[in-house]
Amino acid sequence: MNKEFFMYLLAMALVTYLVRMIPFTLMRKKIKSVFIKSFLYYVPYAVLSAMTFPYIFYSTGDVITSSVGCAVAFILAYINRPLIEVAIASCVVAFVSGLIF
């Protein structure tokens, strides 16, 4: 292994540690603001959506079949179907539409 690898590894470990440590050291009091609480509550969902949603349309190699699967997932999620049902149905529909198109 070369020296640069370990320097990069150390830098990544330091940055990861700082990201987790800084909020604990700066925020010692309980958060009372309703706005900040609601904002922090939705941050994980927003970040996860922003990271995964663009890649949905390239998952099958064809934007049309991915869009059909995504539409089915949205419809099933809107009518409050279980997550496993949404995932399986959208995958099956994307696969079958790939066979059709």
Protein backbone atom coordinates (compact mmCIF):
# COMPACT_ATOMS: atom_id res chain seq x y z
CA MET A 1 0.00 0.00 0.00
CA ASN A 2 1.22 3.47 -0.70
CA LYS A 3 1.37 6.40 1.65
CA GLU A 4 -1.32 8.41 -0.19
CA PHE A 5 -3.94 5.74 0.47
CA PHE A 6 -3.49 6.00 4.22
CA MET A 7 -3.55 9.79 4.08
CA TYR A 8 -6.86 9.68 2.21
CA LEU A 9 -8.19 7.10 4.64
CA LEU A 10 -7.20 9.25 7.61
CA ALA A 11 -8.76 12.35 6.04
CA MET A 12 -12.04 10.53 5.36
CA ALA A 13 -12.13 9.15 8.91
CA LEU A 14 -11.50 12.61 10.34
CA VAL A 15 -14.21 14.25 8.23
CA THR A 16 -16.70 11.50 9.09
CA TYR A 17 -15.92 11.85 12.79
CA LEU A 18 -16.23 15.64 12.71
CA VAL A 19 -19.61 15.50 10.96
CA ARG A 20 -20.93 13.31 13.77
CA MET A 21 -19.16 15.03 16.65
CA ILE A 22 -19.80 18.72 15.94
CA PRO A 23 -23.61 18.65 16.46
CA PHE A 24 -23.17 16.94 19.83
CA THR A 25 -20.66 19.52 21.04
CA LEU A 26 -22.52 22.58 19.76
CA MET A 27 -26.08 21.59 20.70
CA ARG A 28 -26.13 21.00 24.44
CA LYS A 29 -29.62 22.38 25.10
CA LYS A 30 -32.86 20.75 24.04
CA ILE A 31 -34.24 22.16 20.79
CA LYS A 32 -37.49 23.98 21.53
CA SER A 33 -38.25 25.52 18.14
CA VAL A 34 -41.04 23.67 16.37
CA PHE A 35 -39.69 24.79 12.99
CA ILE A 36 -36.19 23.42 13.62
CA LYS A 37 -37.57 20.18 15.04
CA SER A 38 -39.76 19.63 11.99
CA PHE A 39 -36.90 20.57 9.68
CA LEU A 40 -34.53 18.09 11.31
CA TYR A 41 -37.21 15.41 11.32
CA TYR A 42 -37.53 15.48 7.52
CA VAL A 43 -33.83 15.84 6.63
CA PRO A 44 -33.11 12.08 6.42
CA TYR A 45 -36.08 11.50 4.11
CA ALA A 46 -35.13 14.41 1.86
CA VAL A 47 -31.51 13.33 1.61
CA LEU A 48 -32.41 9.72 0.87
CA SER A 49 -34.88 10.83 -1.80
CA ALA A 50 -32.39 13.19 -3.41
CA MET A 51 -29.77 10.46 -3.53
CA THR A 52 -31.93 7.65 -4.88
CA PHE A 53 -34.62 9.23 -7.07
CA PRO A 54 -32.44 10.23 -10.06
CA TYR A 55 -31.00 6.72 -10.28
CA ILE A 56 -34.43 5.12 -10.52
CA PHE A 57 -34.67 6.16 -14.16
CA TYR A 58 -31.38 4.48 -15.11
CA SER A 59 -31.84 1.28 -13.11
CA THR A 60 -33.10 -0.85 -16.01
CA GLY A 61 -31.05 0.72 -18.76
CA ASP A 62 -34.19 2.13 -20.38
CA VAL A 63 -35.92 5.27 -19.14
CA ILE A 64 -39.35 4.12 -20.34
CA THR A 65 -39.40 0.84 -18.40
CA SER A 66 -37.97 2.57 -15.33
CA SER A 67 -40.64 5.27 -15.54
CA VAL A 68 -43.40 2.66 -15.76
CA GLY A 69 -42.05 0.88 -12.69
CA CYS A 70 -41.70 4.19 -10.85
CA ALA A 71 -45.29 5.15 -11.73
CA VAL A 72 -46.56 1.85 -10.35
CA ALA A 73 -44.54 2.40 -7.17
CA PHE A 74 -46.01 5.88 -6.74
CA ILE A 75 -49.57 4.65 -7.26
CA LEU A 76 -49.21 1.77 -4.81
CA ALA A 77 -47.49 3.96 -2.24
CA TYR A 78 -50.24 6.57 -2.60
CA ILE A 79 -52.92 4.02 -1.78
CA ASN A 80 -50.90 2.94 1.30
CA ARG A 81 -49.80 -0.52 0.21
CA PRO A 82 -47.01 -2.23 2.23
CA LEU A 83 -43.42 -1.40 1.24
CA ILE A 84 -42.58 -4.94 0.17
CA GLU A 85 -45.62 -5.02 -2.09
CA VAL A 86 -44.65 -1.69 -3.67
CA ALA A 87 -41.07 -2.85 -4.26
CA ILE A 88 -42.00 -6.22 -5.75
CA ALA A 89 -44.79 -4.85 -7.93
CA SER A 90 -42.65 -2.04 -9.34
CA CYS A 91 -39.81 -4.46 -10.11
CA VAL A 92 -42.14 -6.94 -11.79
CA VAL A 93 -43.85 -4.22 -13.83
CA ALA A 94 -40.49 -2.75 -14.92
CA PHE A 95 -39.28 -6.23 -15.92
CA VAL A 96 -42.44 -7.10 -17.86
CA SER A 97 -42.52 -3.72 -19.58
CA GLY A 98 -38.88 -4.33 -20.58
CA LEU A 99 -39.96 -7.59 -22.21
CA ILE A 100 -42.85 -5.85 -23.99
CA PHE A 101 -40.95 -2.81 -25.21
